[in-house]
PDB file of N, CA and C in Angstrom:
ATOM      1  N   MET A   1      72.702 -65.074  42.687  1.00  0.00           N
ATOM      2  CA  MET A   1      73.801 -64.143  42.569  1.00  0.00           C
ATOM      3  C   MET A   1      73.450 -62.993  41.621  1.00  0.00           C
ATOM      4  N   ARG A   2      72.817 -63.344  40.516  1.00  0.00           N
ATOM      5  CA  ARG A   2      72.421 -62.340  39.539  1.00  0.00           C
ATOM      6  C   ARG A   2      71.407 -61.362  40.139  1.00  0.00           C
ATOM      7  N   GLN A   3      70.482 -61.864  40.950  1.00  0.00           N
ATOM      8  CA  GLN A   3      69.483 -61.012  41.591  1.00  0.00           C
ATOM      9  C   GLN A   3      70.127 -60.065  42.592  1.00  0.00           C
ATOM     10  N   ILE A   4      71.161 -60.526  43.263  1.00  0.00           N
ATOM     11  CA  ILE A   4      71.851 -59.686  44.233  1.00  0.00           C
ATOM     12  C   ILE A   4      72.537 -58.526  43.524  1.00  0.00           C
ATOM     13  N   ARG A   5      73.209 -58.819  42.383  1.00  0.00           N
ATOM     14  CA  ARG A   5      73.861 -57.749  41.624  1.00  0.00           C
ATOM     15  C   ARG A   5      72.845 -56.764  41.083  1.00  0.00           C
ATOM     16  N   LEU A   6      71.724 -57.235  40.608  1.00  0.00           N
ATOM     17  CA  LEU A   6      70.671 -56.372  40.092  1.00  0.00           C
ATOM     18  C   LEU A   6      70.107 -55.486  41.199  1.00  0.00           C
ATOM     19  N   ALA A   7      69.870 -56.086  42.375  1.00  0.00           N
ATOM     20  CA  ALA A   7      69.358 -55.314  43.507  1.00  0.00           C
ATOM     21  C   ALA A   7      70.375 -54.273  43.959  1.00  0.00           C
ATOM     22  N   ALA A   8      71.653 -54.625  43.957  1.00  0.00           N
ATOM     23  CA  ALA A   8      72.702 -53.682  44.356  1.00  0.00           C
ATOM     24  C   ALA A   8      72.784 -52.525  43.370  1.00  0.00           C
ATOM     25  N   ALA A   9      72.723 -52.822  42.081  1.00  0.00           N
ATOM     26  CA  ALA A   9      72.771 -51.772  41.062  1.00  0.00           C
ATOM     27  C   ALA A   9      71.560 -50.863  41.161  1.00  0.00           C
ATOM     28  N   LEU A  10      70.409 -51.441  41.405  1.00  0.00           N
ATOM     29  CA  LEU A  10      69.191 -50.657  41.548  1.00  0.00           C
ATOM     30  C   LEU A  10      69.254 -49.750  42.772  1.00  0.00           C
ATOM     31  N   SER A  11      69.726 -50.284  43.876  1.00  0.00           N
ATOM     32  CA  SER A  11      69.806 -49.475  45.094  1.00  0.00           C
ATOM     33  C   SER A  11      70.850 -48.377  44.952  1.00  0.00           C
ATOM     34  N   LEU A  12      71.941 -48.640  44.245  1.00  0.00           N
ATOM     35  CA  LEU A  12      72.947 -47.611  44.008  1.00  0.00           C
ATOM     36  C   LEU A  12      72.393 -46.477  43.156  1.00  0.00           C
ATOM     37  N   SER A  13      71.678 -46.822  42.102  1.00  0.00           N
ATOM     38  CA  SER A  13      71.111 -45.774  41.250  1.00  0.00           C
ATOM     39  C   SER A  13      70.035 -44.989  41.989  1.00  0.00           C
ATOM     40  N   LEU A  14      69.260 -45.651  42.835  1.00  0.00           N
ATOM     41  CA  LEU A  14      68.253 -44.967  43.639  1.00  0.00           C
ATOM     42  C   LEU A  14      68.908 -44.026  44.643  1.00  0.00           C
ATOM     43  N   ALA A  15      69.981 -44.475  45.269  1.00  0.00           N
ATOM     44  CA  ALA A  15      70.698 -43.630  46.228  1.00  0.00           C
ATOM     45  C   ALA A  15      71.289 -42.406  45.531  1.00  0.00           C
ATOM     46  N   ALA A  16      71.845 -42.595  44.344  1.00  0.00           N
ATOM     47  CA  ALA A  16      72.410 -41.465  43.600  1.00  0.00           C
ATOM     48  C   ALA A  16      71.330 -40.460  43.234  1.00  0.00           C
ATOM     49  N   ALA A  17      70.165 -40.946  42.855  1.00  0.00           N
ATOM     50  CA  ALA A  17      69.059 -40.047  42.514  1.00  0.00           C
ATOM     51  C   ALA A  17      68.582 -39.286  43.742  1.00  0.00           C
ATOM     52  N   LEU A  18      68.530 -39.942  44.874  1.00  0.00           N
ATOM     53  CA  LEU A  18      68.087 -39.274  46.096  1.00  0.00           C
ATOM     54  C   LEU A  18      69.086 -38.234  46.575  1.00  0.00           C
ATOM     55  N   VAL A  19      70.365 -38.463  46.337  1.00  0.00           N
ATOM     56  CA  VAL A  19      71.388 -37.484  46.715  1.00  0.00           C
ATOM     57  C   VAL A  19      71.307 -36.266  45.802  1.00  0.00           C
ATOM     58  N   ALA A  20      71.092 -36.470  44.521  1.00  0.00           N
ATOM     59  CA  ALA A  20      71.061 -35.373  43.562  1.00  0.00           C
ATOM     60  C   ALA A  20      69.768 -34.574  43.634  1.00  0.00           C
ATOM     61  N   LEU A  21      68.693 -35.174  44.065  1.00  0.00           N
ATOM     62  CA  LEU A  21      67.394 -34.506  44.077  1.00  0.00           C
ATOM     63  C   LEU A  21      67.361 -33.253  44.933  1.00  0.00           C
ATOM     64  N   PRO A  22      67.841 -33.255  46.176  1.00  0.00           N
ATOM     65  CA  PRO A  22      67.811 -32.019  46.954  1.00  0.00           C
ATOM     66  C   PRO A  22      68.646 -30.901  46.337  1.00  0.00           C
ATOM     67  N   ALA A  23      69.753 -31.239  45.706  1.00  0.00           N
ATOM     68  CA  ALA A  23      70.577 -30.211  45.086  1.00  0.00           C
ATOM     69  C   ALA A  23      69.834 -29.546  43.941  1.00  0.00           C
ATOM     70  N   LEU A  24      69.143 -30.329  43.145  1.00  0.00           N
ATOM     71  CA  LEU A  24      68.376 -29.753  42.045  1.00  0.00           C
ATOM     72  C   LEU A  24      67.203 -28.939  42.563  1.00  0.00           C
ATOM     73  N   ALA A  25      66.559 -29.396  43.600  1.00  0.00           N
ATOM     74  CA  ALA A  25      65.423 -28.669  44.161  1.00  0.00           C
ATOM     75  C   ALA A  25      65.866 -27.373  44.810  1.00  0.00           C
ATOM     76  N   GLY A  26      67.085 -27.336  45.355  1.00  0.00           N
ATOM     77  CA  GLY A  26      67.574 -26.141  46.023  1.00  0.00           C
ATOM     78  C   GLY A  26      67.900 -25.011  45.073  1.00  0.00           C
ATOM     79  N   ILE A  27      68.213 -25.321  43.827  1.00  0.00           N
ATOM     80  CA  ILE A  27      68.583 -24.294  42.864  1.00  0.00           C
ATOM     81  C   ILE A  27      67.374 -23.477  42.433  1.00  0.00           C
ATOM     82  N   ARG A  28      66.261 -24.114  42.240  1.00  0.00           N
ATOM     83  CA  ARG A  28      65.074 -23.397  41.778  1.00  0.00           C
ATOM     84  C   ARG A  28      64.537 -22.526  42.904  1.00  0.00           C
ATOM     85  N   ASP A  29      64.325 -21.270  42.598  1.00  0.00           N
ATOM     86  CA  ASP A  29      63.715 -20.368  43.563  1.00  0.00           C
ATOM     87  C   ASP A  29      62.806 -19.412  42.806  1.00  0.00           C
ATOM     88  N   PRO A  30      61.556 -19.827  42.598  1.00  0.00           N
ATOM     89  CA  PRO A  30      60.662 -18.984  41.802  1.00  0.00           C
ATOM     90  C   PRO A  30      60.401 -17.632  42.441  1.00  0.00           C
ATOM     91  N   GLY A  31      60.524 -17.515  43.753  1.00  0.00           N
ATOM     92  CA  GLY A  31      60.294 -16.234  44.419  1.00  0.00           C
ATOM     93  C   GLY A  31      61.316 -15.197  44.012  1.00  0.00           C
ATOM     94  N   VAL A  32      62.576 -15.588  43.972  1.00  0.00           N
ATOM     95  CA  VAL A  32      63.645 -14.675  43.575  1.00  0.00           C
ATOM     96  C   VAL A  32      63.463 -14.281  42.112  1.00  0.00           C
ATOM     97  N   ASN A  33      63.203 -15.253  41.264  1.00  0.00           N
ATOM     98  CA  ASN A  33      63.049 -14.966  39.832  1.00  0.00           C
ATOM     99  C   ASN A  33      61.824 -14.106  39.552  1.00  0.00           C
ATOM    100  N   ARG A  34      60.733 -14.375  40.244  1.00  0.00           N
ATOM    101  CA  ARG A  34      59.519 -13.573  40.062  1.00  0.00           C
ATOM    102  C   ARG A  34      59.773 -12.130  40.480  1.00  0.00           C
ATOM    103  N   ARG A  35      60.487 -11.967  41.574  1.00  0.00           N
ATOM    104  CA  ARG A  35      60.790 -10.622  42.063  1.00  0.00           C
ATOM    105  C   ARG A  35      61.683  -9.883  41.082  1.00  0.00           C
ATOM    106  N   GLN A  36      62.694 -10.558  40.546  1.00  0.00           N
ATOM    107  CA  GLN A  36      63.571  -9.919  39.562  1.00  0.00           C
ATOM    108  C   GLN A  36      62.786  -9.501  38.325  1.00  0.00           C
ATOM    109  N   HIS A  37      61.873 -10.359  37.903  1.00  0.00           N
ATOM    110  CA  HIS A  37      61.062 -10.038  36.729  1.00  0.00           C
ATOM    111  C   HIS A  37      60.196  -8.806  36.989  1.00  0.00           C
ATOM    112  N   SER A  38      59.567  -8.750  38.144  1.00  0.00           N
ATOM    113  CA  SER A  38      58.689  -7.603  38.435  1.00  0.00           C
ATOM    114  C   SER A  38      59.491  -6.314  38.568  1.00  0.00           C
ATOM    115  N   GLU A  39      60.701  -6.394  39.119  1.00  0.00           N
ATOM    116  CA  GLU A  39      61.533  -5.190  39.230  1.00  0.00           C
ATOM    117  C   GLU A  39      61.948  -4.694  37.845  1.00  0.00           C
ATOM    118  N   MET A  40      62.283  -5.614  36.949  1.00  0.00           N
ATOM    119  CA  MET A  40      62.646  -5.198  35.592  1.00  0.00           C
ATOM    120  C   MET A  40      61.448  -4.586  34.871  1.00  0.00           C
ATOM    121  N   LEU A  41      60.237  -5.101  35.140  1.00  0.00           N
ATOM    122  CA  LEU A  41      59.035  -4.490  34.559  1.00  0.00           C
ATOM    123  C   LEU A  41      58.832  -3.078  35.089  1.00  0.00           C
ATOM    124  N   ARG A  42      59.072  -2.873  36.378  1.00  0.00           N
ATOM    125  CA  ARG A  42      58.947  -1.533  36.954  1.00  0.00           C
ATOM    126  C   ARG A  42      59.945  -0.570  36.327  1.00  0.00           C
ATOM    127  N   ILE A  43      61.160  -1.043  36.105  1.00  0.00           N
ATOM    128  CA  ILE A  43      62.179  -0.201  35.478  1.00  0.00           C
ATOM    129  C   ILE A  43      61.768   0.121  34.043  1.00  0.00           C
ATOM    130  N   HIS A  44      61.291  -0.880  33.323  1.00  0.00           N
ATOM    131  CA  HIS A  44      60.847  -0.662  31.942  1.00  0.00           C
ATOM    132  C   HIS A  44      59.686   0.340  31.898  1.00  0.00           C
ATOM    133  N   GLN A  45      58.751   0.197  32.822  1.00  0.00           N
ATOM    134  CA  GLN A  45      57.617   1.115  32.885  1.00  0.00           C
ATOM    135  C   GLN A  45      58.095   2.545  33.137  1.00  0.00           C
ATOM    136  N   GLY A  46      59.053   2.698  34.041  1.00  0.00           N
ATOM    137  CA  GLY A  46      59.593   4.030  34.315  1.00  0.00           C
ATOM    138  C   GLY A  46      60.323   4.608  33.120  1.00  0.00           C
ATOM    139  N   ALA A  47      61.002   3.758  32.369  1.00  0.00           N
ATOM    140  CA  ALA A  47      61.735   4.227  31.197  1.00  0.00           C
ATOM    141  C   ALA A  47      60.785   4.649  30.084  1.00  0.00           C
ATOM    142  N   THR A  48      59.755   3.848  29.836  1.00  0.00           N
ATOM    143  CA  THR A  48      58.828   4.187  28.753  1.00  0.00           C
ATOM    144  C   THR A  48      57.912   5.342  29.132  1.00  0.00           C
ATOM    145  N   GLY A  49      57.628   5.488  30.410  1.00  0.00           N
ATOM    146  CA  GLY A  49      56.755   6.571  30.848  1.00  0.00           C
ATOM    147  C   GLY A  49      57.460   7.894  31.043  1.00  0.00           C
ATOM    148  N   GLY A  50      58.788   7.895  30.949  1.00  0.00           N
ATOM    149  CA  GLY A  50      59.536   9.136  31.086  1.00  0.00           C
ATOM    150  C   GLY A  50      59.917   9.470  32.521  1.00  0.00           C
ATOM    151  N   ALA A  51      59.610   8.610  33.473  1.00  0.00           N
ATOM    152  CA  ALA A  51      59.928   8.894  34.874  1.00  0.00           C
ATOM    153  C   ALA A  51      61.402   8.649  35.183  1.00  0.00           C
ATOM    154  N   LEU A  52      62.094   7.913  34.326  1.00  0.00           N
ATOM    155  CA  LEU A  52      63.507   7.631  34.548  1.00  0.00           C
ATOM    156  C   LEU A  52      64.349   8.287  33.461  1.00  0.00           C
ATOM    157  N   THR A  53      65.411   8.946  33.882  1.00  0.00           N
ATOM    158  CA  THR A  53      66.358   9.510  32.923  1.00  0.00           C
ATOM    159  C   THR A  53      67.304   8.403  32.475  1.00  0.00           C
ATOM    160  N   GLY A  54      68.111   8.686  31.475  1.00  0.00           N
ATOM    161  CA  GLY A  54      69.059   7.698  30.973  1.00  0.00           C
ATOM    162  C   GLY A  54      70.032   7.200  32.037  1.00  0.00           C
ATOM    163  N   PRO A  55      70.693   8.109  32.760  1.00  0.00           N
ATOM    164  CA  PRO A  55      71.619   7.651  33.795  1.00  0.00           C
ATOM    165  C   PRO A  55      70.924   6.867  34.917  1.00  0.00           C
ATOM    166  N   GLU A  56      69.718   7.261  35.275  1.00  0.00           N
ATOM    167  CA  GLU A  56      68.970   6.519  36.299  1.00  0.00           C
ATOM    168  C   GLU A  56      68.675   5.105  35.813  1.00  0.00           C
ATOM    169  N   LEU A  57      68.258   5.012  34.568  1.00  0.00           N
ATOM    170  CA  LEU A  57      67.953   3.712  33.972  1.00  0.00           C
ATOM    171  C   LEU A  57      69.188   2.818  33.967  1.00  0.00           C
ATOM    172  N   GLN A  58      70.323   3.374  33.609  1.00  0.00           N
ATOM    173  CA  GLN A  58      71.562   2.591  33.577  1.00  0.00           C
ATOM    174  C   GLN A  58      71.953   2.122  34.967  1.00  0.00           C
ATOM    175  N   ARG A  59      71.833   2.998  35.975  1.00  0.00           N
ATOM    176  CA  ARG A  59      72.175   2.609  37.347  1.00  0.00           C
ATOM    177  C   ARG A  59      71.269   1.503  37.858  1.00  0.00           C
ATOM    178  N   LEU A  60      69.962   1.633  37.616  1.00  0.00           N
ATOM    179  CA  LEU A  60      69.017   0.632  38.102  1.00  0.00           C
ATOM    180  C   LEU A  60      69.215  -0.708  37.395  1.00  0.00           C
ATOM    181  N   ALA A  61      69.475  -0.670  36.093  1.00  0.00           N
ATOM    182  CA  ALA A  61      69.715  -1.909  35.353  1.00  0.00           C
ATOM    183  C   ALA A  61      71.006  -2.574  35.826  1.00  0.00           C
ATOM    184  N   ALA A  62      72.028  -1.785  36.115  1.00  0.00           N
ATOM    185  CA  ALA A  62      73.289  -2.337  36.619  1.00  0.00           C
ATOM    186  C   ALA A  62      73.086  -2.980  37.985  1.00  0.00           C
ATOM    187  N   GLU A  63      72.243  -2.367  38.815  1.00  0.00           N
ATOM    188  CA  GLU A  63      71.954  -2.940  40.131  1.00  0.00           C
ATOM    189  C   GLU A  63      71.253  -4.289  39.991  1.00  0.00           C
ATOM    190  N   GLN A  64      70.324  -4.393  39.047  1.00  0.00           N
ATOM    191  CA  GLN A  64      69.637  -5.665  38.808  1.00  0.00           C
ATOM    192  C   GLN A  64      70.613  -6.718  38.271  1.00  0.00           C
ATOM    193  N   ARG A  65      71.527  -6.300  37.396  1.00  0.00           N
ATOM    194  CA  ARG A  65      72.532  -7.233  36.886  1.00  0.00           C
ATOM    195  C   ARG A  65      73.409  -7.764  38.009  1.00  0.00           C
ATOM    196  N   SER A  66      73.796  -6.888  38.925  1.00  0.00           N
ATOM    197  CA  SER A  66      74.667  -7.340  40.018  1.00  0.00           C
ATOM    198  C   SER A  66      73.932  -8.324  40.927  1.00  0.00           C
ATOM    199  N   ILE A  67      72.632  -8.151  41.100  1.00  0.00           N
ATOM    200  CA  ILE A  67      71.849  -9.103  41.894  1.00  0.00           C
ATOM    201  C   ILE A  67      71.796 -10.448  41.178  1.00  0.00           C
ATOM    202  N   ARG A  68      71.623 -10.432  39.845  1.00  0.00           N
ATOM    203  CA  ARG A  68      71.611 -11.691  39.092  1.00  0.00           C
ATOM    204  C   ARG A  68      72.962 -12.398  39.171  1.00  0.00           C
ATOM    205  N   VAL A  69      74.050 -11.630  39.099  1.00  0.00           N
ATOM    206  CA  VAL A  69      75.390 -12.218  39.204  1.00  0.00           C
ATOM    207  C   VAL A  69      75.576 -12.844  40.583  1.00  0.00           C
ATOM    208  N   GLU A  70      75.134 -12.135  41.609  1.00  0.00           N
ATOM    209  CA  GLU A  70      75.231 -12.660  42.968  1.00  0.00           C
ATOM    210  C   GLU A  70      74.398 -13.935  43.120  1.00  0.00           C
ATOM    211  N   GLU A  71      73.206 -13.946  42.527  1.00  0.00           N
ATOM    212  CA  GLU A  71      72.361 -15.132  42.587  1.00  0.00           C
ATOM    213  C   GLU A  71      73.047 -16.316  41.911  1.00  0.00           C
ATOM    214  N   ARG A  72      73.642 -16.086  40.734  1.00  0.00           N
ATOM    215  CA  ARG A  72      74.354 -17.168  40.046  1.00  0.00           C
ATOM    216  C   ARG A  72      75.516 -17.690  40.886  1.00  0.00           C
ATOM    217  N   ALA A  73      76.214 -16.798  41.547  1.00  0.00           N
ATOM    218  CA  ALA A  73      77.336 -17.222  42.398  1.00  0.00           C
ATOM    219  C   ALA A  73      76.826 -18.073  43.558  1.00  0.00           C
ATOM    220  N   TYR A  74      75.718 -17.657  44.165  1.00  0.00           N
ATOM    221  CA  TYR A  74      75.148 -18.429  45.263  1.00  0.00           C
ATOM    222  C   TYR A  74      74.683 -19.804  44.791  1.00  0.00           C
ATOM    223  N   LYS A  75      74.147 -19.877  43.582  1.00  0.00           N
ATOM    224  CA  LYS A  75      73.623 -21.141  43.064  1.00  0.00           C
ATOM    225  C   LYS A  75      74.699 -22.025  42.444  1.00  0.00           C
ATOM    226  N   SER A  76      75.926 -21.535  42.365  1.00  0.00           N
ATOM    227  CA  SER A  76      76.980 -22.291  41.693  1.00  0.00           C
ATOM    228  C   SER A  76      77.306 -23.606  42.383  1.00  0.00           C
ATOM    229  N   ASP A  77      77.047 -23.696  43.682  1.00  0.00           N
ATOM    230  CA  ASP A  77      77.313 -24.956  44.385  1.00  0.00           C
ATOM    231  C   ASP A  77      76.133 -25.914  44.309  1.00  0.00           C
ATOM    232  N   GLY A  78      75.078 -25.514  43.608  1.00  0.00           N
ATOM    233  CA  GLY A  78      73.921 -26.384  43.432  1.00  0.00           C
ATOM    234  C   GLY A  78      72.873 -26.244  44.506  1.00  0.00           C
ATOM    235  N   PHE A  79      73.024 -25.254  45.380  1.00  0.00           N
ATOM    236  CA  PHE A  79      72.076 -25.095  46.482  1.00  0.00           C
ATOM    237  C   PHE A  79      71.990 -23.631  46.855  1.00  0.00           C
ATOM    238  N   LEU A  80      70.802 -23.179  47.187  1.00  0.00           N
ATOM    239  CA  LEU A  80      70.581 -21.810  47.635  1.00  0.00           C
ATOM    240  C   LEU A  80      70.152 -21.881  49.093  1.00  0.00           C
ATOM    241  N   SER A  81      71.051 -21.532  49.989  1.00  0.00           N
ATOM    242  CA  SER A  81      70.794 -21.676  51.424  1.00  0.00           C
ATOM    243  C   SER A  81      69.834 -20.597  51.918  1.00  0.00           C
ATOM    244  N   ARG A  82      69.372 -20.763  53.118  1.00  0.00           N
ATOM    245  CA  ARG A  82      68.468 -19.794  53.731  1.00  0.00           C
ATOM    246  C   ARG A  82      69.155 -18.437  53.878  1.00  0.00           C
ATOM    247  N   ARG A  83      70.427 -18.444  54.261  1.00  0.00           N
ATOM    248  CA  ARG A  83      71.181 -17.197  54.415  1.00  0.00           C
ATOM    249  C   ARG A  83      71.343 -16.499  53.068  1.00  0.00           C
ATOM    250  N   GLU A  84      71.611 -17.277  52.018  1.00  0.00           N
ATOM    251  CA  GLU A  84      71.763 -16.704  50.688  1.00  0.00           C
ATOM    252  C   GLU A  84      70.440 -16.135  50.183  1.00  0.00           C
ATOM    253  N   ARG A  85      69.340 -16.835  50.448  1.00  0.00           N
ATOM    254  CA  ARG A  85      68.019 -16.312  50.072  1.00  0.00           C
ATOM    255  C   ARG A  85      67.732 -15.000  50.786  1.00  0.00           C
ATOM    256  N   ALA A  86      68.066 -14.945  52.071  1.00  0.00           N
ATOM    257  CA  ALA A  86      67.832 -13.729  52.856  1.00  0.00           C
ATOM    258  C   ALA A  86      68.677 -12.575  52.325  1.00  0.00           C
ATOM    259  N   ASP A  87      69.923 -12.861  51.951  1.00  0.00           N
ATOM    260  CA  ASP A  87      70.788 -11.824  51.404  1.00  0.00           C
ATOM    261  C   ASP A  87      70.245 -11.313  50.080  1.00  0.00           C
ATOM    262  N   LEU A  88      69.776 -12.223  49.223  1.00  0.00           N
ATOM    263  CA  LEU A  88      69.176 -11.800  47.953  1.00  0.00           C
ATOM    264  C   LEU A  88      67.924 -10.966  48.196  1.00  0.00           C
ATOM    265  N   ALA A  89      67.116 -11.356  49.169  1.00  0.00           N
ATOM    266  CA  ALA A  89      65.897 -10.596  49.478  1.00  0.00           C
ATOM    267  C   ALA A  89      66.249  -9.188  49.966  1.00  0.00           C
ATOM    268  N   ARG A  90      67.276  -9.069  50.802  1.00  0.00           N
ATOM    269  CA  ARG A  90      67.718  -7.744  51.261  1.00  0.00           C
ATOM    270  C   ARG A  90      68.176  -6.893  50.087  1.00  0.00           C
ATOM    271  N   ASP A  91      68.980  -7.489  49.214  1.00  0.00           N
ATOM    272  CA  ASP A  91      69.459  -6.752  48.041  1.00  0.00           C
ATOM    273  C   ASP A  91      68.299  -6.316  47.153  1.00  0.00           C
ATOM    274  N   GLN A  92      67.313  -7.193  46.991  1.00  0.00           N
ATOM    275  CA  GLN A  92      66.153  -6.840  46.174  1.00  0.00           C
ATOM    276  C   GLN A  92      65.311  -5.756  46.837  1.00  0.00           C
ATOM    277  N   ASN A  93      65.223  -5.773  48.156  1.00  0.00           N
ATOM    278  CA  ASN A  93      64.490  -4.712  48.857  1.00  0.00           C
ATOM    279  C   ASN A  93      65.158  -3.361  48.644  1.00  0.00           C
ATOM    280  N   VAL A  94      66.478  -3.335  48.737  1.00  0.00           N
ATOM    281  CA  VAL A  94      67.217  -2.083  48.514  1.00  0.00           C
ATOM    282  C   VAL A  94      67.019  -1.616  47.079  1.00  0.00           C
ATOM    283  N   ALA A  95      67.118  -2.537  46.122  1.00  0.00           N
ATOM    284  CA  ALA A  95      66.947  -2.182  44.715  1.00  0.00           C
ATOM    285  C   ALA A  95      65.526  -1.685  44.450  1.00  0.00           C
ATOM    286  N   SER A  96      64.548  -2.310  45.078  1.00  0.00           N
ATOM    287  CA  SER A  96      63.165  -1.879  44.911  1.00  0.00           C
ATOM    288  C   SER A  96      62.979  -0.447  45.412  1.00  0.00           C
ATOM    289  N   ARG A  97      63.584  -0.162  46.551  1.00  0.00           N
ATOM    290  CA  ARG A  97      63.501   1.198  47.108  1.00  0.00           C
ATOM    291  C   ARG A  97      64.165   2.192  46.162  1.00  0.00           C
ATOM    292  N   HIS A  98      65.309   1.815  45.562  1.00  0.00           N
ATOM    293  CA  HIS A  98      65.978   2.702  44.606  1.00  0.00           C
ATOM    294  C   HIS A  98      65.095   2.972  43.391  1.00  0.00           C
ATOM    295  N   ILE A  99      64.401   1.945  42.920  1.00  0.00           N
ATOM    296  CA  ILE A  99      63.496   2.135  41.781  1.00  0.00           C
ATOM    297  C   ILE A  99      62.411   3.138  42.148  1.00  0.00           C
ATOM    298  N   TRP A 100      61.823   2.963  43.319  1.00  0.00           N
ATOM    299  CA  TRP A 100      60.751   3.873  43.744  1.00  0.00           C
ATOM    300  C   TRP A 100      61.267   5.303  43.837  1.00  0.00           C
ATOM    301  N   ILE A 101      62.432   5.477  44.458  1.00  0.00           N
ATOM    302  CA  ILE A 101      62.996   6.821  44.617  1.00  0.00           C
ATOM    303  C   ILE A 101      63.241   7.472  43.258  1.00  0.00           C
ATOM    304  N   GLU A 102      63.860   6.730  42.353  1.00  0.00           N
ATOM    305  CA  GLU A 102      64.184   7.308  41.043  1.00  0.00           C
ATOM    306  C   GLU A 102      62.937   7.598  40.216  1.00  0.00           C
ATOM    307  N   LYS A 103      61.905   6.764  40.346  1.00  0.00           N
ATOM    308  CA  LYS A 103      60.681   7.007  39.579  1.00  0.00           C
ATOM    309  C   LYS A 103      59.889   8.176  40.133  1.00  0.00           C
ATOM    310  N   HIS A 104      60.053   8.489  41.412  1.00  0.00           N
ATOM    311  CA  HIS A 104      59.245   9.535  42.028  1.00  0.00           C
ATOM    312  C   HIS A 104      60.005  10.810  42.330  1.00  0.00           C
ATOM    313  N   ASP A 105      61.236  10.941  41.829  1.00  0.00           N
ATOM    314  CA  ASP A 105      61.930  12.209  42.025  1.00  0.00           C
ATOM    315  C   ASP A 105      61.437  13.187  40.970  1.00  0.00           C
ATOM    316  N   ALA A 106      61.897  14.391  41.037  1.00  0.00           N
ATOM    317  CA  ALA A 106      61.395  15.430  40.148  1.00  0.00           C
ATOM    318  C   ALA A 106      62.036  15.382  38.763  1.00  0.00           C
ATOM    319  N   GLN A 107      63.031  14.554  38.586  1.00  0.00           N
ATOM    320  CA  GLN A 107      63.699  14.498  37.288  1.00  0.00           C
ATOM    321  C   GLN A 107      62.807  13.794  36.266  1.00  0.00           C
ATOM    322  N   ARG A 108      62.778  14.330  35.082  1.00  0.00           N
ATOM    323  CA  ARG A 108      62.000  13.751  33.985  1.00  0.00           C
ATOM    324  C   ARG A 108      62.866  13.659  32.746  1.00  0.00           C
ATOM    325  N   ARG A 109      62.636  12.619  31.976  1.00  0.00           N
ATOM    326  CA  ARG A 109      63.325  12.507  30.697  1.00  0.00           C
ATOM    327  C   ARG A 109      62.681  13.497  29.734  1.00  0.00           C
ATOM    328  N   ARG A 110      63.465  14.145  28.955  1.00  0.00           N
ATOM    329  CA  ARG A 110      62.922  15.143  28.017  1.00  0.00           C
ATOM    330  C   ARG A 110      62.764  14.580  26.642  1.00  0.00           C
TER     331      ARG A 110
END
């Protein structure tokens, strides 16, 4: 009887771990985080090099913040779905294009 209870408790804890494991694995997305980091480096480079004006810098930083907020909202349920990843990638592509445009326009910080 004691062995049966021990086996039942062990199988229950194993089942709970297996249920929680995919949720934890779904939250981590190094691709999204790596991309956000590289975009912030590009913005910083543009700011220090004088290619971005103050208002441009503020707009680009706000766009990156909104992507991070959206990512947190998507991850709030413990999983980042394929559709959510695709939406984040689209948003990052648009933000990347905005960074390029602002860094290569004729405006310069004085």
